[in-house]
Amino acid sequence: MSMCKASFAGIVINSQIDAAGNFDPTTLAYQPGNCCDIVVARLFYQWRCSAGGLLKDRSGIAATEFAVIVPIMLVMFFGTVESFRINI
């Protein structure tokens, strides 16, 4: 009974992106290999680009600015009041 010893040293992964930056499906190939070979499978999925919608959405800008600015303003206000408070 022989033991198979596989390693990642012989794996060659070619790029599926051409010089223009486009996906080239003609370079895809699946080779199942032999007994005890390591097979690398790459999956490609086209994601919808939703960043444009996020950049156009301004619905929460005022609330976000308020949440960031108010604590700073309150610290400044109460710091000023405490520093000029007269002890009677």
Protein backbone atom coordinates (compact mmCIF):
# COMPACT_ATOMS: atom_id res chain seq x y z
CA MET A 1 0.00 0.00 0.00
CA SER A 2 1.66 3.23 -1.14
CA MET A 3 1.12 6.62 0.50
CA CYS A 4 0.56 9.62 -1.72
CA LYS A 5 2.43 12.76 -0.80
CA ALA A 6 1.08 15.90 -2.38
CA SER A 7 2.51 19.40 -2.11
CA PHE A 8 1.64 22.85 -3.31
CA ALA A 9 5.04 23.30 -4.98
CA GLY A 10 3.86 22.19 -8.42
CA ILE A 11 0.73 24.34 -8.58
CA VAL A 12 0.61 26.93 -11.34
CA ILE A 13 -2.15 29.52 -11.22
CA ASN A 14 -2.55 31.63 -14.34
CA SER A 15 -4.28 34.98 -14.27
CA GLN A 16 -7.69 35.27 -15.88
CA ILE A 17 -7.34 39.05 -16.18
CA ASP A 18 -6.05 40.38 -19.50
CA ALA A 19 -3.79 43.41 -20.04
CA ALA A 20 -6.80 45.76 -20.22
CA GLY A 21 -8.03 44.60 -16.79
CA ASN A 22 -10.97 42.59 -18.14
CA PHE A 23 -11.92 39.06 -17.14
CA ASP A 24 -11.04 36.56 -19.89
CA PRO A 25 -13.14 33.37 -19.51
CA THR A 26 -11.29 31.63 -22.36
CA THR A 27 -8.30 31.09 -20.06
CA LEU A 28 -10.33 29.00 -17.61
CA ALA A 29 -9.51 25.32 -17.55
CA TYR A 30 -10.23 22.53 -15.10
CA GLN A 31 -7.80 19.66 -14.84
CA PRO A 32 -8.84 17.10 -12.23
CA GLY A 33 -5.31 15.71 -11.89
CA ASN A 34 -4.25 12.26 -10.76
CA CYS A 35 -4.53 10.31 -7.54
CA CYS A 36 -3.38 12.38 -4.54
CA ASP A 37 -2.91 15.55 -6.61
CA ILE A 38 -3.90 18.87 -5.11
CA VAL A 39 -6.53 20.57 -7.24
CA VAL A 40 -7.01 24.34 -6.98
CA ALA A 41 -10.43 25.60 -7.99
CA ARG A 42 -11.06 29.33 -8.36
CA LEU A 43 -14.55 30.79 -8.41
CA PHE A 44 -15.44 34.06 -10.08
CA TYR A 45 -18.57 36.04 -9.32
CA GLN A 46 -19.56 39.37 -10.79
CA TRP A 47 -20.50 41.65 -7.92
CA ARG A 48 -22.94 44.45 -8.43
CA CYS A 49 -21.26 47.78 -7.91
CA SER A 50 -23.25 49.52 -5.19
CA ALA A 51 -20.69 52.14 -4.17
CA GLY A 52 -22.25 54.66 -6.55
CA GLY A 53 -25.54 54.43 -4.71
CA LEU A 54 -23.84 54.94 -1.37
CA LEU A 55 -22.08 58.06 -2.59
CA LYS A 56 -25.34 59.59 -3.80
CA ASP A 57 -27.30 58.78 -0.62
CA ARG A 58 -27.29 61.83 1.68
CA SER A 59 -30.21 60.87 3.95
CA GLY A 60 -28.25 60.50 7.21
CA ILE A 61 -25.63 63.21 6.83
CA ALA A 62 -27.23 65.71 9.23
CA ALA A 63 -27.76 63.12 11.97
CA THR A 64 -24.19 61.87 11.62
CA GLU A 65 -22.75 65.38 11.78
CA PHE A 66 -24.91 66.12 14.83
CA ALA A 67 -23.71 62.95 16.59
CA VAL A 68 -20.08 63.86 15.96
CA ILE A 69 -20.22 67.59 16.73
CA VAL A 70 -22.53 67.72 19.79
CA PRO A 71 -20.26 65.83 22.25
CA ILE A 72 -17.34 68.09 21.33
CA MET A 73 -19.47 71.20 21.73
CA LEU A 74 -20.84 70.01 25.10
CA VAL A 75 -17.34 69.35 26.45
CA MET A 76 -16.28 72.81 25.34
CA PHE A 77 -19.38 74.44 26.86
CA PHE A 78 -19.20 72.73 30.24
CA GLY A 79 -15.41 73.18 30.36
CA THR A 80 -15.87 76.91 29.84
CA VAL A 81 -18.65 77.11 32.45
CA GLU A 82 -16.59 75.18 35.01
CA SER A 83 -13.45 77.21 34.41
CA PHE A 84 -15.21 80.56 34.94
CA ARG A 85 -17.55 79.49 37.73
CA ILE A 86 -17.38 81.79 40.77
CA ASN A 87 -17.46 80.10 44.17
CA ILE A 88 -19.78 81.94 46.53
